[in-house]
């Protein structure tokens, strides 16, 4: 798949995804009982999804130039928001029980929520709508 690279090291499959639209397919292709780590990146954010057998960990980070914290940054209480030196950092970390496909759907849904908020923040910071 173009935009996806994988390597296996010491029994762990590491995958780099450079297009978030491919993330669902990449996650569905992972060994549900194995150990794997998927790193998805784009211009504004990074998401890491790591499976340790019975648990899936999701960590996300976005960093934006900002002169203040936009109101939308406070909409999701599960996010950690930091503002320093004209940089707005938004972080999330969650752990999911690995119940198979339903856990992966929950992870993708959480990433999509984060990306929607990120889009809203970008509009606010650029003085848009």
N, C-alpha and C. Protein backbone atom coordinates (compact mmCIF):
# COMPACT_ATOMS: atom_id res chain seq x y z
N UNK A 1 0.85 -1.17 0.00
CA UNK A 1 0.00 0.00 0.00
C UNK A 1 0.90 1.24 0.00
N UNK A 2 0.67 2.15 -0.91
CA UNK A 2 1.46 3.38 -0.96
C UNK A 2 1.17 4.23 0.28
N UNK A 3 2.20 4.81 0.87
CA UNK A 3 2.04 5.62 2.07
C UNK A 3 2.10 4.80 3.34
N UNK A 4 2.43 3.50 3.22
CA UNK A 4 2.50 2.61 4.38
C UNK A 4 3.81 1.81 4.29
N UNK A 5 4.57 1.82 5.37
CA UNK A 5 5.80 1.03 5.43
C UNK A 5 5.81 0.23 6.72
N UNK A 6 6.26 -1.02 6.64
CA UNK A 6 6.30 -1.90 7.82
C UNK A 6 7.65 -2.59 7.92
N UNK A 7 8.00 -2.91 9.17
CA UNK A 7 9.19 -3.69 9.46
C UNK A 7 8.88 -4.51 10.71
N UNK A 8 9.39 -5.72 10.77
CA UNK A 8 9.23 -6.56 11.96
C UNK A 8 10.58 -6.65 12.65
N UNK A 9 10.57 -6.35 13.95
CA UNK A 9 11.80 -6.39 14.72
C UNK A 9 11.50 -7.05 16.06
N UNK A 10 12.23 -8.10 16.38
CA UNK A 10 12.06 -8.84 17.63
C UNK A 10 10.61 -9.24 17.85
N UNK A 11 9.94 -9.66 16.79
CA UNK A 11 8.58 -10.15 16.89
C UNK A 11 7.50 -9.08 16.93
N UNK A 12 7.88 -7.83 16.84
CA UNK A 12 6.91 -6.73 16.87
C UNK A 12 6.86 -6.10 15.48
N UNK A 13 5.65 -5.96 14.94
CA UNK A 13 5.49 -5.33 13.63
C UNK A 13 5.30 -3.82 13.83
N UNK A 14 6.19 -3.04 13.24
CA UNK A 14 6.12 -1.59 13.29
C UNK A 14 5.66 -1.09 11.92
N UNK A 15 4.66 -0.21 11.92
CA UNK A 15 4.11 0.29 10.66
C UNK A 15 4.02 1.81 10.72
N UNK A 16 4.45 2.46 9.66
CA UNK A 16 4.33 3.91 9.51
C UNK A 16 3.28 4.18 8.44
N UNK A 17 2.29 5.00 8.80
CA UNK A 17 1.20 5.36 7.89
C UNK A 17 1.27 6.87 7.69
N UNK A 18 1.34 7.30 6.43
CA UNK A 18 1.45 8.73 6.14
C UNK A 18 0.16 9.30 5.57
N UNK A 19 -0.91 8.55 5.66
CA UNK A 19 -2.22 9.01 5.18
C UNK A 19 -3.28 8.43 6.12
N UNK A 20 -3.89 9.29 6.93
CA UNK A 20 -4.87 8.82 7.92
C UNK A 20 -6.04 8.09 7.27
N UNK A 21 -6.31 8.34 6.01
CA UNK A 21 -7.41 7.64 5.34
C UNK A 21 -7.14 6.14 5.22
N UNK A 22 -5.89 5.74 5.31
CA UNK A 22 -5.51 4.33 5.21
C UNK A 22 -5.50 3.62 6.56
N UNK A 23 -5.65 4.37 7.62
CA UNK A 23 -5.45 3.83 8.96
C UNK A 23 -6.39 2.67 9.29
N UNK A 24 -7.66 2.78 8.94
CA UNK A 24 -8.61 1.70 9.22
C UNK A 24 -8.19 0.39 8.58
N UNK A 25 -7.79 0.45 7.33
CA UNK A 25 -7.35 -0.76 6.63
C UNK A 25 -6.07 -1.32 7.23
N UNK A 26 -5.16 -0.45 7.61
CA UNK A 26 -3.90 -0.90 8.22
C UNK A 26 -4.18 -1.59 9.55
N UNK A 27 -5.04 -1.00 10.37
CA UNK A 27 -5.36 -1.61 11.66
C UNK A 27 -6.07 -2.94 11.49
N UNK A 28 -6.98 -3.02 10.53
CA UNK A 28 -7.71 -4.27 10.29
C UNK A 28 -6.77 -5.39 9.86
N UNK A 29 -5.65 -5.05 9.27
CA UNK A 29 -4.70 -6.06 8.79
C UNK A 29 -3.73 -6.55 9.87
N UNK A 30 -3.78 -5.94 11.06
CA UNK A 30 -2.86 -6.34 12.12
C UNK A 30 -3.30 -7.66 12.76
N UNK A 31 -2.33 -8.42 13.27
CA UNK A 31 -2.60 -9.66 14.00
C UNK A 31 -3.21 -9.29 15.35
N UNK A 32 -4.46 -9.66 15.56
CA UNK A 32 -5.17 -9.24 16.77
C UNK A 32 -4.58 -9.79 18.06
N UNK A 33 -3.87 -10.90 17.99
CA UNK A 33 -3.29 -11.46 19.21
C UNK A 33 -1.80 -11.15 19.33
N UNK A 34 -1.25 -10.46 18.34
CA UNK A 34 0.18 -10.19 18.32
C UNK A 34 0.54 -8.85 18.92
N UNK A 35 1.83 -8.55 18.86
CA UNK A 35 2.32 -7.24 19.29
C UNK A 35 2.65 -6.44 18.05
N UNK A 36 2.13 -5.23 18.01
CA UNK A 36 2.37 -4.36 16.87
C UNK A 36 2.28 -2.91 17.30
N UNK A 37 2.81 -2.04 16.46
CA UNK A 37 2.84 -0.61 16.74
C UNK A 37 2.64 0.12 15.42
N UNK A 38 1.61 0.94 15.36
CA UNK A 38 1.31 1.71 14.15
C UNK A 38 1.48 3.19 14.48
N UNK A 39 2.27 3.88 13.68
CA UNK A 39 2.47 5.31 13.83
C UNK A 39 1.88 5.99 12.60
N UNK A 40 0.88 6.84 12.82
CA UNK A 40 0.24 7.58 11.73
C UNK A 40 0.60 9.05 11.88
N UNK A 41 1.03 9.67 10.79
CA UNK A 41 1.49 11.05 10.85
C UNK A 41 0.94 11.86 9.68
N UNK A 42 0.76 13.15 9.93
CA UNK A 42 0.49 14.10 8.86
C UNK A 42 1.08 15.44 9.28
N UNK A 43 0.72 16.48 8.58
CA UNK A 43 1.31 17.80 8.82
C UNK A 43 1.03 18.31 10.23
N UNK A 44 -0.12 17.96 10.82
CA UNK A 44 -0.54 18.57 12.07
C UNK A 44 -0.53 17.64 13.28
N UNK A 45 -0.57 16.34 13.06
CA UNK A 45 -0.70 15.45 14.21
C UNK A 45 0.01 14.13 14.00
N UNK A 46 0.21 13.46 15.13
CA UNK A 46 0.78 12.12 15.15
C UNK A 46 -0.10 11.26 16.05
N UNK A 47 -0.37 10.05 15.62
CA UNK A 47 -1.11 9.08 16.44
C UNK A 47 -0.30 7.80 16.49
N UNK A 48 -0.16 7.25 17.68
CA UNK A 48 0.50 5.96 17.83
C UNK A 48 -0.48 4.98 18.45
N UNK A 49 -0.65 3.84 17.80
CA UNK A 49 -1.53 2.79 18.29
C UNK A 49 -0.64 1.57 18.51
N UNK A 50 -0.57 1.11 19.75
CA UNK A 50 0.30 -0.02 20.08
C UNK A 50 -0.51 -1.11 20.73
N UNK A 51 -0.33 -2.34 20.25
CA UNK A 51 -1.04 -3.49 20.81
C UNK A 51 -0.05 -4.34 21.60
N UNK A 52 -0.44 -4.65 22.83
CA UNK A 52 0.38 -5.48 23.70
C UNK A 52 -0.37 -6.77 24.04
N UNK A 53 -1.08 -7.31 23.07
CA UNK A 53 -1.85 -8.54 23.29
C UNK A 53 -3.24 -8.23 23.79
N UNK A 54 -3.39 -8.06 25.10
CA UNK A 54 -4.73 -7.83 25.66
C UNK A 54 -5.11 -6.36 25.77
N UNK A 55 -4.20 -5.46 25.47
CA UNK A 55 -4.49 -4.02 25.55
C UNK A 55 -3.99 -3.30 24.30
N UNK A 56 -4.73 -2.27 23.94
CA UNK A 56 -4.32 -1.38 22.86
C UNK A 56 -4.18 0.01 23.45
N UNK A 57 -3.03 0.62 23.23
CA UNK A 57 -2.79 1.98 23.72
C UNK A 57 -2.84 2.94 22.54
N UNK A 58 -3.50 4.06 22.76
CA UNK A 58 -3.60 5.11 21.75
C UNK A 58 -3.04 6.40 22.34
N UNK A 59 -2.08 6.99 21.64
CA UNK A 59 -1.54 8.29 22.04
C UNK A 59 -1.58 9.20 20.83
N UNK A 60 -2.05 10.43 21.04
CA UNK A 60 -2.12 11.40 19.94
C UNK A 60 -1.53 12.72 20.40
N UNK A 61 -0.92 13.42 19.46
CA UNK A 61 -0.32 14.72 19.74
C UNK A 61 -0.50 15.61 18.52
N UNK A 62 -0.96 16.82 18.77
CA UNK A 62 -1.03 17.84 17.72
C UNK A 62 -0.35 19.08 18.28
N UNK A 63 0.36 19.78 17.41
CA UNK A 63 1.04 21.01 17.82
C UNK A 63 0.77 22.07 16.78
N UNK A 64 0.26 23.21 17.24
CA UNK A 64 -0.13 24.29 16.34
C UNK A 64 0.46 25.61 16.83
N UNK A 65 0.74 26.50 15.89
CA UNK A 65 1.13 27.87 16.23
C UNK A 65 -0.14 28.59 16.67
N UNK A 66 -0.07 29.31 17.79
CA UNK A 66 -1.25 30.02 18.29
C UNK A 66 -0.81 31.17 19.18
N UNK A 67 -1.60 32.24 19.18
CA UNK A 67 -1.32 33.36 20.07
C UNK A 67 -2.13 33.25 21.36
N UNK A 68 -3.09 32.35 21.37
CA UNK A 68 -3.92 32.10 22.55
C UNK A 68 -4.56 30.73 22.41
N UNK A 69 -5.21 30.28 23.48
CA UNK A 69 -5.90 28.99 23.44
C UNK A 69 -7.31 29.23 22.91
N UNK A 70 -7.65 28.68 21.76
CA UNK A 70 -9.00 28.86 21.21
C UNK A 70 -10.04 28.15 22.09
N UNK A 71 -11.26 28.67 22.13
CA UNK A 71 -12.31 28.04 22.95
C UNK A 71 -12.54 26.56 22.63
N UNK A 72 -12.42 26.18 21.38
CA UNK A 72 -12.67 24.78 20.99
C UNK A 72 -11.69 23.82 21.66
N UNK A 73 -10.53 24.31 22.07
CA UNK A 73 -9.52 23.44 22.68
C UNK A 73 -10.00 22.85 24.00
N UNK A 74 -10.99 23.48 24.61
CA UNK A 74 -11.49 23.01 25.90
C UNK A 74 -12.73 22.12 25.78
N UNK A 75 -13.15 21.81 24.56
CA UNK A 75 -14.39 21.06 24.35
C UNK A 75 -14.32 19.61 24.81
N UNK A 76 -13.17 19.00 24.76
CA UNK A 76 -13.05 17.57 25.08
C UNK A 76 -12.27 17.42 26.39
N UNK A 77 -12.95 17.01 27.47
CA UNK A 77 -12.27 16.90 28.76
C UNK A 77 -11.21 15.79 28.81
N UNK A 78 -11.21 14.89 27.84
CA UNK A 78 -10.22 13.81 27.81
C UNK A 78 -8.88 14.25 27.23
N UNK A 79 -8.84 15.46 26.70
CA UNK A 79 -7.61 15.96 26.09
C UNK A 79 -6.81 16.79 27.08
N UNK A 80 -5.51 16.71 26.96
CA UNK A 80 -4.61 17.56 27.73
C UNK A 80 -4.19 18.69 26.81
N UNK A 81 -4.40 19.93 27.24
CA UNK A 81 -4.08 21.10 26.42
C UNK A 81 -2.97 21.88 27.11
N UNK A 82 -1.92 22.15 26.36
CA UNK A 82 -0.80 22.95 26.87
C UNK A 82 -0.59 24.13 25.94
N UNK A 83 -0.27 25.27 26.54
CA UNK A 83 0.02 26.46 25.74
C UNK A 83 1.27 27.12 26.30
N UNK A 84 2.28 27.24 25.45
CA UNK A 84 3.54 27.84 25.88
C UNK A 84 4.31 28.32 24.65
N UNK A 85 4.87 29.51 24.75
CA UNK A 85 5.70 30.07 23.67
C UNK A 85 4.99 30.05 22.32
N UNK A 86 3.74 30.48 22.31
CA UNK A 86 2.92 30.53 21.09
C UNK A 86 2.75 29.17 20.42
N UNK A 87 2.82 28.11 21.19
CA UNK A 87 2.57 26.75 20.71
C UNK A 87 1.42 26.16 21.50
N UNK A 88 0.45 25.66 20.78
CA UNK A 88 -0.68 24.96 21.39
C UNK A 88 -0.45 23.47 21.17
N UNK A 89 -0.36 22.72 22.25
CA UNK A 89 -0.19 21.26 22.16
C UNK A 89 -1.44 20.59 22.72
N UNK A 90 -1.94 19.65 21.95
CA UNK A 90 -3.12 18.90 22.37
C UNK A 90 -2.70 17.44 22.42
N UNK A 91 -2.95 16.80 23.56
CA UNK A 91 -2.51 15.42 23.75
C UNK A 91 -3.69 14.55 24.21
N UNK A 92 -3.59 13.29 23.85
CA UNK A 92 -4.56 12.30 24.31
C UNK A 92 -3.84 10.98 24.53
N UNK A 93 -4.20 10.29 25.58
CA UNK A 93 -3.72 8.92 25.79
C UNK A 93 -4.88 8.11 26.34
N UNK A 94 -5.11 6.97 25.73
CA UNK A 94 -6.17 6.08 26.19
C UNK A 94 -5.74 4.63 26.04
N UNK A 95 -6.32 3.79 26.88
CA UNK A 95 -6.06 2.36 26.83
C UNK A 95 -7.38 1.65 26.60
N UNK A 96 -7.36 0.70 25.69
CA UNK A 96 -8.55 -0.05 25.31
C UNK A 96 -8.29 -1.54 25.51
N UNK A 97 -9.27 -2.24 26.06
CA UNK A 97 -9.16 -3.69 26.14
C UNK A 97 -9.23 -4.24 24.72
N UNK A 98 -8.33 -5.12 24.37
CA UNK A 98 -8.29 -5.66 23.02
C UNK A 98 -9.39 -6.71 22.85
N UNK A 99 -10.54 -6.24 22.41
CA UNK A 99 -11.68 -7.13 22.18
C UNK A 99 -11.83 -7.44 20.69
N UNK A 100 -10.77 -7.19 19.94
CA UNK A 100 -10.81 -7.46 18.51
C UNK A 100 -11.27 -6.25 17.72
N UNK A 101 -12.10 -6.51 16.75
CA UNK A 101 -12.53 -5.47 15.82
C UNK A 101 -13.21 -4.29 16.51
N UNK A 102 -14.00 -4.56 17.54
CA UNK A 102 -14.71 -3.45 18.21
C UNK A 102 -13.74 -2.48 18.88
N UNK A 103 -12.63 -2.99 19.40
CA UNK A 103 -11.63 -2.10 20.00
C UNK A 103 -10.98 -1.23 18.93
N UNK A 104 -10.71 -1.82 17.77
CA UNK A 104 -10.11 -1.04 16.68
C UNK A 104 -11.07 0.02 16.16
N UNK A 105 -12.36 -0.30 16.12
CA UNK A 105 -13.36 0.69 15.71
C UNK A 105 -13.37 1.84 16.71
N UNK A 106 -13.30 1.52 18.00
CA UNK A 106 -13.27 2.56 19.04
C UNK A 106 -12.04 3.45 18.89
N UNK A 107 -10.90 2.85 18.58
CA UNK A 107 -9.66 3.61 18.38
C UNK A 107 -9.79 4.55 17.18
N UNK A 108 -10.29 4.03 16.07
CA UNK A 108 -10.45 4.86 14.87
C UNK A 108 -11.45 5.98 15.14
N UNK A 109 -12.55 5.68 15.84
CA UNK A 109 -13.53 6.72 16.18
C UNK A 109 -12.90 7.81 17.03
N UNK A 110 -12.05 7.43 17.99
CA UNK A 110 -11.40 8.41 18.87
C UNK A 110 -10.43 9.29 18.06
N UNK A 111 -9.71 8.67 17.14
CA UNK A 111 -8.81 9.43 16.27
C UNK A 111 -9.62 10.41 15.42
N UNK A 112 -10.74 9.97 14.89
CA UNK A 112 -11.59 10.85 14.07
C UNK A 112 -12.13 12.02 14.88
N UNK A 113 -12.50 11.78 16.15
CA UNK A 113 -12.95 12.88 17.02
C UNK A 113 -11.83 13.90 17.21
N UNK A 114 -10.64 13.40 17.45
CA UNK A 114 -9.47 14.26 17.64
C UNK A 114 -9.22 15.08 16.38
N UNK A 115 -9.30 14.44 15.22
CA UNK A 115 -9.06 15.13 13.96
C UNK A 115 -10.15 16.18 13.66
N UNK A 116 -11.40 15.88 14.03
CA UNK A 116 -12.47 16.89 13.85
C UNK A 116 -12.19 18.12 14.70
N UNK A 117 -11.80 17.89 15.96
CA UNK A 117 -11.47 19.01 16.84
C UNK A 117 -10.26 19.78 16.29
N UNK A 118 -9.28 19.06 15.81
CA UNK A 118 -8.11 19.71 15.23
C UNK A 118 -8.50 20.59 14.05
N UNK A 119 -9.38 20.11 13.20
CA UNK A 119 -9.87 20.91 12.08
C UNK A 119 -10.57 22.17 12.54
N UNK A 120 -11.38 22.02 13.59
CA UNK A 120 -12.08 23.18 14.15
C UNK A 120 -11.08 24.20 14.71
N UNK A 121 -10.05 23.70 15.38
CA UNK A 121 -9.03 24.59 15.93
C UNK A 121 -8.28 25.33 14.83
N UNK A 122 -7.96 24.62 13.76
CA UNK A 122 -7.26 25.26 12.64
C UNK A 122 -8.09 26.39 12.04
N UNK A 123 -9.40 26.17 11.92
CA UNK A 123 -10.28 27.22 11.40
C UNK A 123 -10.29 28.41 12.35
N UNK A 124 -10.43 28.15 13.66
CA UNK A 124 -10.44 29.24 14.65
C UNK A 124 -9.12 30.01 14.64
N UNK A 125 -8.02 29.29 14.57
CA UNK A 125 -6.71 29.95 14.63
C UNK A 125 -6.41 30.76 13.37
N UNK A 126 -6.98 30.38 12.27
CA UNK A 126 -6.77 31.12 11.02
C UNK A 126 -7.83 32.22 10.84
N UNK A 127 -8.66 32.42 11.87
CA UNK A 127 -9.66 33.49 11.83
C UNK A 127 -10.80 33.21 10.88
N UNK A 128 -11.07 31.94 10.68
CA UNK A 128 -12.13 31.53 9.74
C UNK A 128 -13.51 31.62 10.33
N UNK A 129 -14.35 30.83 9.82
CA UNK A 129 -15.79 30.77 10.08
C UNK A 129 -16.18 31.11 11.48
